[in-house]
Amino acid sequence: MHPYLKKRPRTDRTIARYESSLIQDRGNNIVLKKIAKDPEWFLELLEDAKDKIPESKYRKMKKSAEKLLKEKTAEE
């Protein structure tokens, strides 16, 4: 735990984590679950956004999604 958070009461620590984006919100959680369940969906979104994100990030996300898709296909 971050030293700053240790000094604060539990409720304050939760609020501090939320404010510093250490707790994902419900919307992000839904999208992450959707990606895990359907990596092909994410690959389609990624392809649509290809021109809007840096090439290095695109390649990294594509590689991760393709790996997840391969693992998911192997399970079936």
PDB file of N, CA and C in Angstrom:
ATOM      1  N   MET A   1       0.845  -1.180   0.000  1.00  0.00           N
ATOM      2  CA  MET A   1       0.000   0.000   0.000  1.00  0.00           C
ATOM      3  C   MET A   1       0.887   1.238   0.000  1.00  0.00           C
ATOM      4  N   HIS A   2       0.445   2.210  -0.718  1.00  0.00           N
ATOM      5  CA  HIS A   2       1.174   3.463  -0.804  1.00  0.00           C
ATOM      6  C   HIS A   2       1.247   4.099   0.598  1.00  0.00           C
ATOM      7  N   PRO A   3       2.424   4.594   1.011  1.00  0.00           N
ATOM      8  CA  PRO A   3       2.584   5.184   2.347  1.00  0.00           C
ATOM      9  C   PRO A   3       1.568   6.283   2.649  1.00  0.00           C
ATOM     10  N   TYR A   4       1.210   7.061   1.668  1.00  0.00           N
ATOM     11  CA  TYR A   4       0.225   8.122   1.856  1.00  0.00           C
ATOM     12  C   TYR A   4      -1.113   7.546   2.313  1.00  0.00           C
ATOM     13  N   LEU A   5      -1.495   6.399   1.742  1.00  0.00           N
ATOM     14  CA  LEU A   5      -2.779   5.808   2.062  1.00  0.00           C
ATOM     15  C   LEU A   5      -2.787   5.155   3.441  1.00  0.00           C
ATOM     16  N   LYS A   6      -1.641   4.664   3.910  1.00  0.00           N
ATOM     17  CA  LYS A   6      -1.573   4.000   5.213  1.00  0.00           C
ATOM     18  C   LYS A   6      -1.925   4.939   6.356  1.00  0.00           C
ATOM     19  N   LYS A   7      -1.643   6.194   6.203  1.00  0.00           N
ATOM     20  CA  LYS A   7      -1.851   7.175   7.268  1.00  0.00           C
ATOM     21  C   LYS A   7      -3.304   7.619   7.388  1.00  0.00           C
ATOM     22  N   ARG A   8      -4.132   7.242   6.459  1.00  0.00           N
ATOM     23  CA  ARG A   8      -5.506   7.736   6.432  1.00  0.00           C
ATOM     24  C   ARG A   8      -6.488   6.676   6.918  1.00  0.00           C
ATOM     25  N   PRO A   9      -7.621   7.088   7.485  1.00  0.00           N
ATOM     26  CA  PRO A   9      -8.659   6.123   7.869  1.00  0.00           C
ATOM     27  C   PRO A   9      -9.154   5.365   6.638  1.00  0.00           C
ATOM     28  N   ARG A  10      -9.737   4.200   6.852  1.00  0.00           N
ATOM     29  CA  ARG A  10     -10.159   3.317   5.760  1.00  0.00           C
ATOM     30  C   ARG A  10     -11.022   4.038   4.716  1.00  0.00           C
ATOM     31  N   THR A  11     -12.046   4.762   5.117  1.00  0.00           N
ATOM     32  CA  THR A  11     -12.918   5.458   4.174  1.00  0.00           C
ATOM     33  C   THR A  11     -12.137   6.477   3.372  1.00  0.00           C
ATOM     34  N   ASP A  12     -11.276   7.223   4.035  1.00  0.00           N
ATOM     35  CA  ASP A  12     -10.447   8.204   3.325  1.00  0.00           C
ATOM     36  C   ASP A  12      -9.527   7.517   2.321  1.00  0.00           C
ATOM     37  N   ARG A  13      -9.011   6.351   2.680  1.00  0.00           N
ATOM     38  CA  ARG A  13      -8.128   5.618   1.763  1.00  0.00           C
ATOM     39  C   ARG A  13      -8.899   5.196   0.515  1.00  0.00           C
ATOM     40  N   THR A  14     -10.128   4.724   0.696  1.00  0.00           N
ATOM     41  CA  THR A  14     -10.943   4.312  -0.448  1.00  0.00           C
ATOM     42  C   THR A  14     -11.210   5.504  -1.355  1.00  0.00           C
ATOM     43  N   ILE A  15     -11.575   6.616  -0.770  1.00  0.00           N
ATOM     44  CA  ILE A  15     -11.822   7.834  -1.559  1.00  0.00           C
ATOM     45  C   ILE A  15     -10.546   8.269  -2.265  1.00  0.00           C
ATOM     46  N   ALA A  16      -9.420   8.220  -1.586  1.00  0.00           N
ATOM     47  CA  ALA A  16      -8.145   8.606  -2.201  1.00  0.00           C
ATOM     48  C   ALA A  16      -7.809   7.689  -3.369  1.00  0.00           C
ATOM     49  N   ARG A  17      -8.051   6.391  -3.222  1.00  0.00           N
ATOM     50  CA  ARG A  17      -7.781   5.457  -4.325  1.00  0.00           C
ATOM     51  C   ARG A  17      -8.697   5.754  -5.500  1.00  0.00           C
ATOM     52  N   TYR A  18      -9.967   6.023  -5.215  1.00  0.00           N
ATOM     53  CA  TYR A  18     -10.908   6.345  -6.278  1.00  0.00           C
ATOM     54  C   TYR A  18     -10.475   7.616  -7.008  1.00  0.00           C
ATOM     55  N   GLU A  19     -10.121   8.638  -6.253  1.00  0.00           N
ATOM     56  CA  GLU A  19      -9.733   9.918  -6.841  1.00  0.00           C
ATOM     57  C   GLU A  19      -8.449   9.807  -7.652  1.00  0.00           C
ATOM     58  N   SER A  20      -7.584   8.885  -7.278  1.00  0.00           N
ATOM     59  CA  SER A  20      -6.325   8.728  -8.024  1.00  0.00           C
ATOM     60  C   SER A  20      -6.434   7.619  -9.066  1.00  0.00           C
ATOM     61  N   SER A  21      -7.660   7.185  -9.363  1.00  0.00           N
ATOM     62  CA  SER A  21      -7.946   6.182 -10.395  1.00  0.00           C
ATOM     63  C   SER A  21      -7.366   4.808 -10.089  1.00  0.00           C
ATOM     64  N   LEU A  22      -7.155   4.491  -8.821  1.00  0.00           N
ATOM     65  CA  LEU A  22      -6.667   3.166  -8.468  1.00  0.00           C
ATOM     66  C   LEU A  22      -7.813   2.159  -8.366  1.00  0.00           C
ATOM     67  N   ILE A  23      -9.041   2.650  -8.349  1.00  0.00           N
ATOM     68  CA  ILE A  23     -10.224   1.795  -8.352  1.00  0.00           C
ATOM     69  C   ILE A  23     -10.923   2.030  -9.685  1.00  0.00           C
ATOM     70  N   GLN A  24     -11.126   0.949 -10.432  1.00  0.00           N
ATOM     71  CA  GLN A  24     -11.785   1.140 -11.719  1.00  0.00           C
ATOM     72  C   GLN A  24     -13.276   1.345 -11.520  1.00  0.00           C
ATOM     73  N   ASP A  25     -13.858   2.161 -12.374  1.00  0.00           N
ATOM     74  CA  ASP A  25     -15.283   2.418 -12.243  1.00  0.00           C
ATOM     75  C   ASP A  25     -16.087   1.318 -12.932  1.00  0.00           C
ATOM     76  N   ARG A  26     -17.380   1.355 -12.742  1.00  0.00           N
ATOM     77  CA  ARG A  26     -18.261   0.300 -13.249  1.00  0.00           C
ATOM     78  C   ARG A  26     -18.187   0.186 -14.766  1.00  0.00           C
ATOM     79  N   GLY A  27     -18.127   1.310 -15.457  1.00  0.00           N
ATOM     80  CA  GLY A  27     -18.051   1.295 -16.919  1.00  0.00           C
ATOM     81  C   GLY A  27     -16.804   0.590 -17.418  1.00  0.00           C
ATOM     82  N   ASN A  28     -15.666   0.920 -16.814  1.00  0.00           N
ATOM     83  CA  ASN A  28     -14.422   0.251 -17.201  1.00  0.00           C
ATOM     84  C   ASN A  28     -14.491  -1.234 -16.904  1.00  0.00           C
ATOM     85  N   ASN A  29     -15.079  -1.582 -15.768  1.00  0.00           N
ATOM     86  CA  ASN A  29     -15.187  -2.980 -15.386  1.00  0.00           C
ATOM     87  C   ASN A  29     -16.020  -3.767 -16.408  1.00  0.00           C
ATOM     88  N   ILE A  30     -17.110  -3.173 -16.866  1.00  0.00           N
ATOM     89  CA  ILE A  30     -17.968  -3.827 -17.861  1.00  0.00           C
ATOM     90  C   ILE A  30     -17.197  -4.057 -19.161  1.00  0.00           C
ATOM     91  N   VAL A  31     -16.461  -3.045 -19.603  1.00  0.00           N
ATOM     92  CA  VAL A  31     -15.690  -3.172 -20.844  1.00  0.00           C
ATOM     93  C   VAL A  31     -14.610  -4.238 -20.699  1.00  0.00           C
ATOM     94  N   LEU A  32     -13.908  -4.261 -19.572  1.00  0.00           N
ATOM     95  CA  LEU A  32     -12.862  -5.266 -19.366  1.00  0.00           C
ATOM     96  C   LEU A  32     -13.438  -6.681 -19.358  1.00  0.00           C
ATOM     97  N   LYS A  33     -14.601  -6.843 -18.766  1.00  0.00           N
ATOM     98  CA  LYS A  33     -15.250  -8.163 -18.778  1.00  0.00           C
ATOM     99  C   LYS A  33     -15.654  -8.554 -20.194  1.00  0.00           C
ATOM    100  N   LYS A  34     -16.151  -7.595 -20.957  1.00  0.00           N
ATOM    101  CA  LYS A  34     -16.546  -7.844 -22.349  1.00  0.00           C
ATOM    102  C   LYS A  34     -15.340  -8.250 -23.182  1.00  0.00           C
ATOM    103  N   ILE A  35     -14.220  -7.584 -22.983  1.00  0.00           N
ATOM    104  CA  ILE A  35     -12.989  -7.921 -23.711  1.00  0.00           C
ATOM    105  C   ILE A  35     -12.556  -9.342 -23.373  1.00  0.00           C
ATOM    106  N   ALA A  36     -12.594  -9.689 -22.091  1.00  0.00           N
ATOM    107  CA  ALA A  36     -12.190 -11.034 -21.679  1.00  0.00           C
ATOM    108  C   ALA A  36     -13.106 -12.098 -22.274  1.00  0.00           C
ATOM    109  N   LYS A  37     -14.381 -11.766 -22.389  1.00  0.00           N
ATOM    110  CA  LYS A  37     -15.362 -12.720 -22.907  1.00  0.00           C
ATOM    111  C   LYS A  37     -15.335 -12.782 -24.439  1.00  0.00           C
ATOM    112  N   ASP A  38     -15.044 -11.648 -25.068  1.00  0.00           N
ATOM    113  CA  ASP A  38     -15.139 -11.552 -26.532  1.00  0.00           C
ATOM    114  C   ASP A  38     -13.986 -10.727 -27.101  1.00  0.00           C
ATOM    115  N   PRO A  39     -12.763 -11.302 -27.140  1.00  0.00           N
ATOM    116  CA  PRO A  39     -11.615 -10.544 -27.637  1.00  0.00           C
ATOM    117  C   PRO A  39     -11.741 -10.128 -29.105  1.00  0.00           C
ATOM    118  N   GLU A  40     -12.544 -10.854 -29.884  1.00  0.00           N
ATOM    119  CA  GLU A  40     -12.751 -10.455 -31.280  1.00  0.00           C
ATOM    120  C   GLU A  40     -13.433  -9.090 -31.357  1.00  0.00           C
ATOM    121  N   TRP A  41     -14.371  -8.848 -30.443  1.00  0.00           N
ATOM    122  CA  TRP A  41     -15.054  -7.555 -30.369  1.00  0.00           C
ATOM    123  C   TRP A  41     -14.035  -6.443 -30.147  1.00  0.00           C
ATOM    124  N   PHE A  42     -13.117  -6.680 -29.211  1.00  0.00           N
ATOM    125  CA  PHE A  42     -12.101  -5.674 -28.927  1.00  0.00           C
ATOM    126  C   PHE A  42     -11.188  -5.455 -30.135  1.00  0.00           C
ATOM    127  N   LEU A  43     -10.827  -6.532 -30.822  1.00  0.00           N
ATOM    128  CA  LEU A  43      -9.971  -6.384 -32.006  1.00  0.00           C
ATOM    129  C   LEU A  43     -10.655  -5.539 -33.078  1.00  0.00           C
ATOM    130  N   GLU A  44     -11.969  -5.687 -33.213  1.00  0.00           N
ATOM    131  CA  GLU A  44     -12.707  -4.854 -34.170  1.00  0.00           C
ATOM    132  C   GLU A  44     -12.665  -3.381 -33.753  1.00  0.00           C
ATOM    133  N   LEU A  45     -12.898  -3.120 -32.459  1.00  0.00           N
ATOM    134  CA  LEU A  45     -12.824  -1.739 -31.964  1.00  0.00           C
ATOM    135  C   LEU A  45     -11.427  -1.165 -32.154  1.00  0.00           C
ATOM    136  N   LEU A  46     -10.446  -1.982 -31.858  1.00  0.00           N
ATOM    137  CA  LEU A  46      -9.059  -1.546 -31.980  1.00  0.00           C
ATOM    138  C   LEU A  46      -8.725  -1.188 -33.423  1.00  0.00           C
ATOM    139  N   GLU A  47      -9.180  -2.004 -34.346  1.00  0.00           N
ATOM    140  CA  GLU A  47      -8.933  -1.729 -35.762  1.00  0.00           C
ATOM    141  C   GLU A  47      -9.589  -0.417 -36.192  1.00  0.00           C
ATOM    142  N   ASP A  48     -10.786  -0.164 -35.683  1.00  0.00           N
ATOM    143  CA  ASP A  48     -11.491   1.089 -35.996  1.00  0.00           C
ATOM    144  C   ASP A  48     -10.747   2.309 -35.440  1.00  0.00           C
ATOM    145  N   ALA A  49     -10.050   2.121 -34.327  1.00  0.00           N
ATOM    146  CA  ALA A  49      -9.354   3.232 -33.663  1.00  0.00           C
ATOM    147  C   ALA A  49      -7.876   3.318 -34.034  1.00  0.00           C
ATOM    148  N   LYS A  50      -7.435   2.475 -34.927  1.00  0.00           N
ATOM    149  CA  LYS A  50      -6.014   2.370 -35.273  1.00  0.00           C
ATOM    150  C   LYS A  50      -5.362   3.718 -35.583  1.00  0.00           C
ATOM    151  N   ASP A  51      -6.057   4.572 -36.303  1.00  0.00           N
ATOM    152  CA  ASP A  51      -5.498   5.870 -36.698  1.00  0.00           C
ATOM    153  C   ASP A  51      -5.537   6.907 -35.583  1.00  0.00           C
ATOM    154  N   LYS A  52      -6.192   6.564 -34.484  1.00  0.00           N
ATOM    155  CA  LYS A  52      -6.358   7.526 -33.399  1.00  0.00           C
ATOM    156  C   LYS A  52      -5.444   7.271 -32.211  1.00  0.00           C
ATOM    157  N   ILE A  53      -4.685   6.180 -32.250  1.00  0.00           N
ATOM    158  CA  ILE A  53      -3.795   5.837 -31.132  1.00  0.00           C
ATOM    159  C   ILE A  53      -2.374   5.637 -31.653  1.00  0.00           C
ATOM    160  N   PRO A  54      -1.386   5.840 -30.801  1.00  0.00           N
ATOM    161  CA  PRO A  54       0.010   5.638 -31.236  1.00  0.00           C
ATOM    162  C   PRO A  54       0.242   4.195 -31.698  1.00  0.00           C
ATOM    163  N   GLU A  55       1.059   4.042 -32.705  1.00  0.00           N
ATOM    164  CA  GLU A  55       1.359   2.738 -33.293  1.00  0.00           C
ATOM    165  C   GLU A  55       1.847   1.735 -32.251  1.00  0.00           C
ATOM    166  N   SER A  56       2.712   2.180 -31.340  1.00  0.00           N
ATOM    167  CA  SER A  56       3.256   1.264 -30.328  1.00  0.00           C
ATOM    168  C   SER A  56       2.152   0.727 -29.409  1.00  0.00           C
ATOM    169  N   LYS A  57       1.220   1.580 -29.027  1.00  0.00           N
ATOM    170  CA  LYS A  57       0.107   1.137 -28.170  1.00  0.00           C
ATOM    171  C   LYS A  57      -0.825   0.217 -28.949  1.00  0.00           C
ATOM    172  N   TYR A  58      -1.053   0.548 -30.210  1.00  0.00           N
ATOM    173  CA  TYR A  58      -1.894  -0.304 -31.059  1.00  0.00           C
ATOM    174  C   TYR A  58      -1.311  -1.715 -31.139  1.00  0.00           C
ATOM    175  N   ARG A  59      -0.023  -1.807 -31.432  1.00  0.00           N
ATOM    176  CA  ARG A  59       0.624  -3.123 -31.554  1.00  0.00           C
ATOM    177  C   ARG A  59       0.564  -3.902 -30.243  1.00  0.00           C
ATOM    178  N   LYS A  60       0.811  -3.207 -29.137  1.00  0.00           N
ATOM    179  CA  LYS A  60       0.799  -3.859 -27.829  1.00  0.00           C
ATOM    180  C   LYS A  60      -0.599  -4.401 -27.492  1.00  0.00           C
ATOM    181  N   MET A  61      -1.623  -3.578 -27.715  1.00  0.00           N
ATOM    182  CA  MET A  61      -2.987  -4.016 -27.420  1.00  0.00           C
ATOM    183  C   MET A  61      -3.425  -5.132 -28.359  1.00  0.00           C
ATOM    184  N   LYS A  62      -3.036  -5.024 -29.621  1.00  0.00           N
ATOM    185  CA  LYS A  62      -3.408  -6.057 -30.593  1.00  0.00           C
ATOM    186  C   LYS A  62      -2.758  -7.388 -30.220  1.00  0.00           C
ATOM    187  N   LYS A  63      -1.503  -7.342 -29.851  1.00  0.00           N
ATOM    188  CA  LYS A  63      -0.794  -8.562 -29.457  1.00  0.00           C
ATOM    189  C   LYS A  63      -1.474  -9.214 -28.250  1.00  0.00           C
ATOM    190  N   SER A  64      -1.827  -8.401 -27.256  1.00  0.00           N
ATOM    191  CA  SER A  64      -2.491  -8.926 -26.054  1.00  0.00           C
ATOM    192  C   SER A  64      -3.855  -9.522 -26.393  1.00  0.00           C
ATOM    193  N   ALA A  65      -4.620  -8.833 -27.218  1.00  0.00           N
ATOM    194  CA  ALA A  65      -5.954  -9.319 -27.587  1.00  0.00           C
ATOM    195  C   ALA A  65      -5.861 -10.600 -28.411  1.00  0.00           C
ATOM    196  N   GLU A  66      -4.888 -10.675 -29.303  1.00  0.00           N
ATOM    197  CA  GLU A  66      -4.716 -11.882 -30.103  1.00  0.00           C
ATOM    198  C   GLU A  66      -4.301 -13.072 -29.229  1.00  0.00           C
ATOM    199  N   LYS A  67      -3.472 -12.806 -28.228  1.00  0.00           N
ATOM    200  CA  LYS A  67      -3.074 -13.856 -27.292  1.00  0.00           C
ATOM    201  C   LYS A  67      -4.297 -14.351 -26.516  1.00  0.00           C
ATOM    202  N   LEU A  68      -5.106 -13.414 -26.031  1.00  0.00           N
ATOM    203  CA  LEU A  68      -6.318 -13.774 -25.305  1.00  0.00           C
ATOM    204  C   LEU A  68      -7.265 -14.577 -26.193  1.00  0.00           C
ATOM    205  N   LEU A  69      -7.412 -14.167 -27.438  1.00  0.00           N
ATOM    206  CA  LEU A  69      -8.274 -14.868 -28.382  1.00  0.00           C
ATOM    207  C   LEU A  69      -7.765 -16.291 -28.616  1.00  0.00           C
ATOM    208  N   LYS A  70      -6.467 -16.442 -28.772  1.00  0.00           N
ATOM    209  CA  LYS A  70      -5.869 -17.757 -28.983  1.00  0.00           C
ATOM    210  C   LYS A  70      -6.121 -18.657 -27.777  1.00  0.00           C
ATOM    211  N   GLU A  71      -5.940 -18.124 -26.569  1.00  0.00           N
ATOM    212  CA  GLU A  71      -6.185 -18.893 -25.339  1.00  0.00           C
ATOM    213  C   GLU A  71      -7.653 -19.275 -25.236  1.00  0.00           C
ATOM    214  N   LYS A  72      -8.522 -18.350 -25.576  1.00  0.00           N
ATOM    215  CA  LYS A  72      -9.969 -18.593 -25.498  1.00  0.00           C
ATOM    216  C   LYS A  72     -10.367 -19.657 -26.509  1.00  0.00           C
ATOM    217  N   THR A  73      -9.805 -19.606 -27.704  1.00  0.00           N
ATOM    218  CA  THR A  73     -10.107 -20.588 -28.742  1.00  0.00           C
ATOM    219  C   THR A  73      -9.611 -21.976 -28.325  1.00  0.00           C
ATOM    220  N   ALA A  74      -8.461 -22.027 -27.681  1.00  0.00           N
ATOM    221  CA  ALA A  74      -7.910 -23.310 -27.220  1.00  0.00           C
ATOM    222  C   ALA A  74      -8.793 -23.943 -26.155  1.00  0.00           C
ATOM    223  N   GLU A  75      -9.471 -23.120 -25.346  1.00  0.00           N
ATOM    224  CA  GLU A  75     -10.354 -23.628 -24.285  1.00  0.00           C
ATOM    225  C   GLU A  75     -11.597 -24.295 -24.857  1.00  0.00           C
ATOM    226  N   GLU A  76     -12.032 -23.808 -26.008  1.00  0.00           N
ATOM    227  CA  GLU A  76     -13.304 -24.307 -26.605  1.00  0.00           C
ATOM    228  C   GLU A  76     -13.133 -25.581 -27.329  1.00  0.00           C
TER     229      GLU A  76
END
